[in-house]
Amino acid sequence: MTNTERPLAISAPEPRTLDLIFSDKARAELHAKYEIVEADPENIAGLSDEILGSARYIIGQPPLSAETLARMPALRSILNVESNLLNNMPYEVLFQRGIHVVTTGQVFAEPVAEIGLGFALALARGIVDADVAFRAGHELWGGEGNASARLIAGSEIGIVGFGDLGKALRRVLSGFRARIRVFDPWLPRSVLEENGVEPASLQDVLTKSDFIFVAAAVTSENSKFLGTEAFASMRRGAAFILLSRADVVDFDALMAAVSSGHIVAASDVYPQEPLPTDHPVRSLKGFIRSAHRAGALDSAFKKMGDMVLEDMDLMDRGLPPMRGKRAERETVSRMRSKPVEVN
């Protein structure tokens, strides 16, 4: 470290950049308080022993081996600025050494929840189709344009997964006087009840909901767990809204359920991103499409930088990080989300 007055932080936030996640003011603070070494995420091991030996923080979650970590005796925290913790490092070594791994992904919860509400309203009231018809001069006026319209108010809503996104969904839906059931096998009933939702089985969420929001992370246990039988069990005309990761859904089965007219759906995520131009979901009637843009607001990205600075300041003072969500020993190795490629 060339400046002994400032702790050293390795910057490897790809595909994010420091300009993306820090405001001008926050970035000035970062450089004033820390010595920043920009690094290729794929070659952290290629950094000198001097840099690795002095590094207190890593901004980003680049692949790390046990051998590289052994060269980093001063490391206190890896600050993930994606949204998902990645299975690209030996967590058992990190936990043994007391190195915190934290994610700033909660910054996306509110914007994703808001667009999820937008999808639900659009599906319930036919907003997108009505706009397309109006542009083409085929609009239906008044009640004729509401043959399949319904209200969210007073409806039955199901949420699959109740992490930061699920909680944000509950907040944006709170004014609709709906009955909200939640399935999350990683949470006790009391946590759900304290958040004002009804604990429920997956079967009850699927079969008793007018609107179903999927906010579950991908794990080693739930890949494609929502398939043909799940969609067939839903109420006819139910709205299925996929907000978290496409790998929790059998996407072909989802498209088949929409194509048959059994349900309608909206999704911000897909099995392959970007999608091929000839992918059948692009022309599927009853399906609202969004290009993984639900959380990608500049205001959300900038909150990441603020959270990183606050947690680094806490750790500089010998305190644990409190703004980011810490990886848990029991669950982190079960996460299976793919790294993001586009901001």
Protein backbone atom coordinates (compact mmCIF):
# COMPACT_ATOMS: atom_id res chain seq x y z
CA MET A 1 0.00 0.00 0.00
CA THR A 2 1.51 3.26 -1.10
CA ASN A 3 -0.45 5.44 1.31
CA THR A 4 -0.43 4.04 4.82
CA GLU A 5 -3.06 6.57 5.94
CA ARG A 6 -5.80 5.00 3.82
CA PRO A 7 -7.07 1.41 3.88
CA LEU A 8 -6.78 -0.34 0.53
CA ALA A 9 -9.84 -1.53 -1.37
CA ILE A 10 -9.72 -3.61 -4.54
CA SER A 11 -12.33 -2.46 -7.06
CA ALA A 12 -13.69 -5.30 -9.22
CA PRO A 13 -17.43 -4.63 -9.54
CA GLU A 14 -17.92 -5.89 -13.12
CA PRO A 15 -20.34 -5.53 -14.84
CA ARG A 16 -21.01 -2.53 -12.62
CA THR A 17 -18.54 0.36 -12.55
CA LEU A 18 -17.64 2.78 -9.80
CA ASP A 19 -19.21 5.57 -11.87
CA LEU A 20 -22.46 3.60 -12.01
CA ILE A 21 -22.76 2.80 -8.31
CA PHE A 22 -21.28 5.93 -6.74
CA SER A 23 -22.55 9.48 -7.12
CA ASP A 24 -19.87 12.09 -7.76
CA LYS A 25 -19.97 13.06 -4.09
CA ALA A 26 -19.81 9.46 -2.86
CA ARG A 27 -17.00 8.57 -5.24
CA ALA A 28 -14.99 11.56 -4.04
CA GLU A 29 -15.51 10.32 -0.48
CA LEU A 30 -14.45 6.80 -1.48
CA HIS A 31 -11.17 8.01 -2.97
CA ALA A 32 -10.53 10.39 -0.10
CA LYS A 33 -10.89 7.66 2.53
CA TYR A 34 -9.47 4.64 0.69
CA GLU A 35 -6.72 3.72 -1.70
CA ILE A 36 -8.54 2.14 -4.63
CA VAL A 37 -6.86 -0.45 -6.83
CA GLU A 38 -8.78 -1.25 -10.01
CA ALA A 39 -8.49 -4.94 -10.90
CA ASP A 40 -9.60 -7.46 -13.50
CA PRO A 41 -12.19 -9.62 -11.69
CA GLU A 42 -10.87 -12.73 -13.42
CA ASN A 43 -7.30 -12.16 -12.33
CA ILE A 44 -7.28 -11.08 -8.70
CA ALA A 45 -4.63 -13.73 -8.12
CA GLY A 46 -2.36 -11.83 -10.50
CA LEU A 47 -2.13 -8.82 -8.20
CA SER A 48 1.07 -8.35 -6.27
CA ASP A 49 1.57 -9.74 -2.80
CA GLU A 50 1.85 -6.15 -1.55
CA ILE A 51 -1.63 -5.26 -2.82
CA LEU A 52 -3.27 -8.53 -1.78
CA GLY A 53 -1.60 -8.44 1.60
CA SER A 54 -2.87 -4.93 2.32
CA ALA A 55 -6.38 -5.15 0.87
CA ARG A 56 -9.06 -4.61 3.50
CA TYR A 57 -12.06 -4.67 1.17
CA ILE A 58 -13.10 -5.97 -2.23
CA ILE A 59 -15.85 -4.03 -4.02
CA GLY A 60 -17.53 -6.65 -6.19
CA GLN A 61 -17.55 -10.43 -5.98
CA PRO A 62 -14.81 -11.70 -8.28
CA PRO A 63 -13.86 -15.40 -8.28
CA LEU A 64 -11.46 -16.15 -5.44
CA SER A 65 -9.61 -19.35 -4.61
CA ALA A 66 -8.51 -20.49 -1.17
CA GLU A 67 -4.93 -19.89 -2.29
CA THR A 68 -5.65 -16.27 -3.19
CA LEU A 69 -7.49 -15.69 0.07
CA ALA A 70 -4.47 -17.04 1.95
CA ARG A 71 -2.49 -14.15 0.47
CA MET A 72 -5.01 -11.63 1.86
CA PRO A 73 -4.52 -11.56 5.66
CA ALA A 74 -6.03 -8.08 6.06
CA LEU A 75 -9.27 -8.78 4.17
CA ARG A 76 -12.38 -7.90 6.19
CA SER A 77 -15.20 -7.89 3.67
CA ILE A 78 -16.30 -8.67 0.13
CA LEU A 79 -18.99 -6.21 -0.88
CA ASN A 80 -21.13 -7.74 -3.62
CA VAL A 81 -22.69 -5.06 -5.84
CA GLU A 82 -24.75 -7.42 -7.96
CA SER A 83 -27.99 -8.53 -6.40
CA ASN A 84 -27.23 -12.19 -5.83
CA LEU A 85 -24.47 -13.85 -3.89
CA LEU A 86 -22.37 -15.98 -6.22
CA ASN A 87 -21.04 -19.48 -5.69
CA ASN A 88 -17.54 -18.51 -6.84
CA MET A 89 -15.42 -18.65 -3.69
CA PRO A 90 -14.76 -20.96 -0.73
CA TYR A 91 -17.29 -19.63 1.75
CA GLU A 92 -16.14 -22.04 4.44
CA VAL A 93 -12.76 -20.27 4.45
CA LEU A 94 -14.43 -16.85 4.61
CA PHE A 95 -16.66 -17.86 7.51
CA GLN A 96 -13.76 -19.45 9.35
CA ARG A 97 -11.75 -16.25 9.07
CA GLY A 98 -14.68 -13.97 9.93
CA ILE A 99 -14.61 -12.22 6.55
CA HIS A 100 -18.00 -10.67 5.85
CA VAL A 101 -19.62 -11.22 2.45
CA VAL A 102 -22.45 -8.75 1.97
CA THR A 103 -24.76 -7.96 -0.92
CA THR A 104 -26.36 -4.62 -1.75
CA GLY A 105 -29.14 -6.30 -3.72
CA GLN A 106 -31.88 -4.90 -1.49
CA VAL A 107 -31.61 -1.59 -3.39
CA PHE A 108 -33.58 -3.28 -6.18
CA ALA A 109 -36.46 -4.44 -4.01
CA GLU A 110 -38.54 -1.27 -4.13
CA PRO A 111 -38.23 -0.52 -7.87
CA VAL A 112 -38.88 -4.17 -8.78
CA ALA A 113 -41.90 -4.28 -6.48
CA GLU A 114 -43.30 -1.13 -8.07
CA ILE A 115 -43.00 -2.50 -11.60
CA GLY A 116 -44.53 -5.74 -10.33
CA LEU A 117 -47.55 -3.74 -9.23
CA GLY A 118 -47.58 -2.11 -12.66
CA PHE A 119 -47.62 -5.54 -14.33
CA ALA A 120 -50.49 -6.66 -12.10
CA LEU A 121 -52.53 -3.56 -12.91
CA ALA A 122 -51.78 -3.89 -16.62
CA LEU A 123 -52.87 -7.53 -16.65
CA ALA A 124 -55.95 -6.90 -14.52
CA ARG A 125 -57.19 -3.99 -16.61
CA GLY A 126 -55.86 -4.91 -20.06
CA ILE A 127 -53.89 -1.66 -20.21
CA VAL A 128 -51.28 -2.77 -22.74
CA ASP A 129 -53.71 -4.42 -25.14
CA ALA A 130 -56.07 -1.45 -24.90
CA ASP A 131 -53.25 0.93 -25.79
CA VAL A 132 -52.20 -1.21 -28.77
CA ALA A 133 -55.82 -1.36 -29.98
CA PHE A 134 -56.21 2.40 -29.58
CA ARG A 135 -53.08 3.06 -31.63
CA ALA A 136 -54.45 0.82 -34.38
CA GLY A 137 -57.91 2.45 -34.28
CA HIS A 138 -59.61 -0.68 -32.96
CA GLU A 139 -60.31 0.50 -29.42
CA LEU A 140 -63.37 -0.56 -27.45
CA TRP A 141 -65.04 2.21 -25.47
CA GLY A 142 -66.44 2.06 -21.97
CA GLY A 143 -67.71 -1.24 -20.68
CA GLU A 144 -67.03 -2.98 -24.00
CA GLY A 145 -63.34 -2.57 -23.28
CA ASN A 146 -63.60 -4.19 -19.86
CA ALA A 147 -64.91 -7.66 -20.63
CA SER A 148 -62.10 -9.34 -18.71
CA ALA A 149 -61.13 -6.47 -16.39
CA ARG A 150 -60.99 -6.92 -12.63
CA LEU A 151 -59.75 -5.19 -9.51
CA ILE A 152 -56.71 -5.89 -7.39
CA ALA A 153 -58.59 -4.36 -4.47
CA GLY A 154 -60.14 -7.07 -2.35
CA SER A 155 -58.48 -9.84 -4.37
CA GLU A 156 -56.47 -12.82 -3.17
CA ILE A 157 -52.73 -12.46 -3.72
CA GLY A 158 -49.93 -14.99 -3.41
CA ILE A 159 -46.22 -14.27 -3.05
CA VAL A 160 -43.57 -16.96 -3.53
CA GLY A 161 -40.46 -15.92 -1.59
CA PHE A 162 -40.40 -13.30 1.14
CA GLY A 163 -36.96 -11.73 1.16
CA ASP A 164 -36.37 -8.06 0.49
CA LEU A 165 -38.45 -8.15 -2.71
CA GLY A 166 -41.33 -10.03 -1.13
CA LYS A 167 -41.45 -7.54 1.73
CA ALA A 168 -41.39 -4.63 -0.72
CA LEU A 169 -44.26 -6.20 -2.64
CA ARG A 170 -46.28 -6.46 0.55
CA ARG A 171 -45.72 -2.74 1.16
CA VAL A 172 -46.82 -1.60 -2.31
CA LEU A 173 -49.85 -3.90 -2.16
CA SER A 174 -50.91 -2.85 1.32
CA GLY A 175 -53.43 -0.25 0.12
CA PHE A 176 -55.47 -2.74 -1.90
CA ARG A 177 -57.14 -4.48 1.07
CA ALA A 178 -56.18 -7.82 -0.42
CA ARG A 179 -55.64 -11.11 1.35
CA ILE A 180 -51.93 -11.88 0.92
CA ARG A 181 -50.67 -15.43 1.34
CA VAL A 182 -46.93 -16.15 1.31
CA PHE A 183 -44.94 -19.31 0.75
CA ASP A 184 -41.32 -19.21 1.92
CA PRO A 185 -39.83 -22.43 3.33
CA TRP A 186 -36.83 -20.58 4.76
CA LEU A 187 -38.89 -18.40 7.12
CA PRO A 188 -40.84 -19.27 10.29
CA ARG A 189 -44.53 -18.43 10.48
CA SER A 190 -43.94 -15.69 13.04
CA VAL A 191 -41.78 -13.65 10.65
CA LEU A 192 -44.49 -13.75 8.00
CA GLU A 193 -47.23 -12.92 10.50
CA GLU A 194 -45.22 -10.00 11.91
CA ASN A 195 -45.04 -8.62 8.37
CA GLY A 196 -48.79 -8.72 7.99
CA VAL A 197 -49.08 -11.66 5.59
CA GLU A 198 -50.59 -15.11 5.93
CA PRO A 199 -48.20 -18.09 5.96
CA ALA A 200 -49.33 -20.64 3.39
CA SER A 201 -48.29 -23.75 1.54
CA LEU A 202 -47.16 -23.48 -2.06
CA GLN A 203 -50.32 -25.33 -3.08
CA ASP A 204 -52.54 -22.76 -1.35
CA VAL A 205 -50.63 -19.88 -2.91
CA LEU A 206 -51.03 -21.40 -6.37
CA THR A 207 -54.65 -22.52 -6.13
CA LYS A 208 -56.20 -19.68 -4.13
CA SER A 209 -54.65 -16.58 -5.69
CA ASP A 210 -55.92 -14.16 -8.31
CA PHE A 211 -52.42 -12.69 -8.62
CA ILE A 212 -49.19 -14.61 -7.97
CA PHE A 213 -45.88 -12.80 -7.61
CA VAL A 214 -42.68 -14.86 -7.79
CA ALA A 215 -39.91 -13.23 -5.76
CA ALA A 216 -37.86 -16.33 -4.90
CA ALA A 217 -34.12 -16.60 -5.43
CA VAL A 218 -32.76 -19.60 -7.33
CA THR A 219 -31.31 -22.26 -5.06
CA SER A 220 -29.99 -25.80 -5.40
CA GLU A 221 -33.46 -26.99 -4.38
CA ASN A 222 -35.93 -25.01 -6.50
CA SER A 223 -34.71 -24.95 -10.11
CA LYS A 224 -37.81 -25.04 -12.37
CA PHE A 225 -40.00 -26.02 -9.43
CA LEU A 226 -42.92 -24.14 -10.98
CA GLY A 227 -43.90 -26.27 -13.96
CA THR A 228 -46.85 -27.73 -15.83
CA GLU A 229 -48.66 -29.05 -12.75
CA ALA A 230 -48.19 -25.77 -10.88
CA PHE A 231 -49.64 -23.69 -13.70
CA ALA A 232 -52.53 -26.12 -14.24
CA SER A 233 -53.44 -25.82 -10.55
CA MET A 234 -53.89 -22.04 -10.75
CA ARG A 235 -57.27 -20.40 -11.05
CA ARG A 236 -58.33 -19.85 -14.63
CA GLY A 237 -57.48 -16.27 -15.53
CA ALA A 238 -54.98 -15.85 -12.70
CA ALA A 239 -52.13 -13.41 -13.29
CA PHE A 240 -48.63 -14.85 -12.84
CA ILE A 241 -45.87 -12.25 -12.40
CA LEU A 242 -42.23 -13.37 -12.51
CA LEU A 243 -39.86 -10.85 -10.94
CA SER A 244 -36.87 -12.67 -9.44
CA ARG A 245 -35.08 -15.22 -11.66
CA ALA A 246 -36.34 -17.26 -14.61
CA ASP A 247 -34.64 -20.47 -13.44
CA VAL A 248 -37.31 -21.04 -10.78
CA VAL A 249 -39.82 -21.56 -13.59
CA ASP A 250 -40.16 -24.10 -16.39
CA PHE A 251 -40.47 -21.33 -18.96
CA ASP A 252 -41.86 -23.55 -21.71
CA ALA A 253 -44.59 -24.70 -19.34
CA LEU A 254 -45.34 -21.09 -18.43
CA MET A 255 -45.70 -20.13 -22.09
CA ALA A 256 -47.94 -23.14 -22.71
CA ALA A 257 -50.22 -22.15 -19.83
CA VAL A 258 -50.54 -18.63 -21.21
CA SER A 259 -50.97 -19.82 -24.79
CA SER A 260 -53.85 -22.07 -23.73
CA GLY A 261 -55.63 -19.11 -22.16
CA HIS A 262 -55.55 -20.65 -18.68
CA ILE A 263 -53.52 -17.80 -17.15
CA VAL A 264 -52.01 -14.47 -18.11
CA ALA A 265 -48.47 -13.53 -17.20
CA ALA A 266 -45.76 -10.92 -17.08
CA SER A 267 -42.02 -11.37 -16.73
CA ASP A 268 -38.94 -9.21 -16.33
CA VAL A 269 -36.54 -12.18 -16.55
CA TYR A 270 -35.86 -14.98 -19.04
CA PRO A 271 -33.89 -18.23 -19.31
CA GLN A 272 -31.58 -16.57 -21.83
CA GLU A 273 -30.80 -12.87 -21.85
CA PRO A 274 -30.95 -11.21 -24.29
CA LEU A 275 -33.59 -13.41 -25.88
CA PRO A 276 -33.28 -14.50 -29.53
CA THR A 277 -35.37 -12.31 -31.82
CA ASP A 278 -37.44 -15.32 -32.86
CA HIS A 279 -38.22 -16.53 -29.32
CA PRO A 280 -41.93 -17.45 -29.14
CA VAL A 281 -42.57 -15.40 -25.99
CA ARG A 282 -42.12 -12.23 -28.04
CA SER A 283 -45.44 -12.76 -29.84
CA LEU A 284 -47.35 -14.56 -27.08
CA LYS A 285 -50.78 -13.04 -26.46
CA GLY A 286 -51.59 -12.58 -22.76
CA PHE A 287 -47.95 -12.09 -21.80
CA ILE A 288 -46.38 -8.75 -20.83
CA ARG A 289 -42.64 -8.60 -21.47
CA SER A 290 -39.95 -6.45 -19.83
CA ALA A 291 -36.23 -6.69 -20.64
CA HIS A 292 -34.76 -7.28 -17.15
CA ARG A 293 -35.12 -3.58 -16.42
CA ALA A 294 -37.32 -3.62 -13.33
CA GLY A 295 -34.60 -2.66 -10.86
CA ALA A 296 -32.13 -0.97 -13.18
CA LEU A 297 -32.71 2.63 -12.11
CA ASP A 298 -29.85 5.03 -11.58
CA SER A 299 -31.24 5.92 -8.17
CA ALA A 300 -30.99 2.25 -7.14
CA PHE A 301 -27.44 1.88 -8.43
CA LYS A 302 -26.34 4.98 -6.54
CA LYS A 303 -27.80 3.60 -3.30
CA MET A 304 -25.37 0.71 -3.70
CA GLY A 305 -22.42 3.06 -3.37
CA ASP A 306 -23.92 4.70 -0.30
CA MET A 307 -24.41 1.30 1.33
CA VAL A 308 -20.84 0.25 0.54
CA LEU A 309 -19.44 3.42 2.10
CA GLU A 310 -21.57 3.07 5.22
CA ASP A 311 -20.59 -0.55 5.77
CA MET A 312 -16.91 0.11 5.15
CA ASP A 313 -17.03 2.94 7.68
CA LEU A 314 -18.63 0.62 10.26
CA MET A 315 -15.98 -2.03 9.71
CA ASP A 316 -13.19 0.57 9.88
CA ARG A 317 -14.45 1.27 13.40
CA GLY A 318 -14.48 -2.38 14.40
CA LEU A 319 -18.24 -2.84 13.95
CA PRO A 320 -20.10 -5.35 11.75
CA PRO A 321 -21.64 -4.27 8.43
CA MET A 322 -25.29 -3.38 8.79
CA ARG A 323 -26.48 -1.92 5.47
CA GLY A 324 -25.78 -4.85 3.17
CA LYS A 325 -27.26 -8.31 3.69
CA ARG A 326 -24.67 -10.71 5.05
CA ALA A 327 -24.17 -14.17 3.58
CA GLU A 328 -25.34 -16.88 5.95
CA ARG A 329 -23.31 -20.01 6.51
CA GLU A 330 -26.34 -22.29 6.22
CA THR A 331 -27.74 -20.94 2.94
CA VAL A 332 -25.10 -19.20 0.84
CA SER A 333 -23.74 -22.37 -0.78
CA ARG A 334 -27.28 -23.23 -1.92
CA MET A 335 -27.64 -20.10 -4.06
CA ARG A 336 -27.60 -20.73 -7.80
CA SER A 337 -28.33 -17.38 -9.47
CA LYS A 338 -26.31 -16.52 -12.54
CA PRO A 339 -24.13 -13.39 -12.55
CA VAL A 340 -25.69 -10.39 -14.26
CA GLU A 341 -24.21 -9.49 -17.64
CA VAL A 342 -26.08 -6.27 -18.40
CA ASN A 343 -26.70 -3.47 -15.89
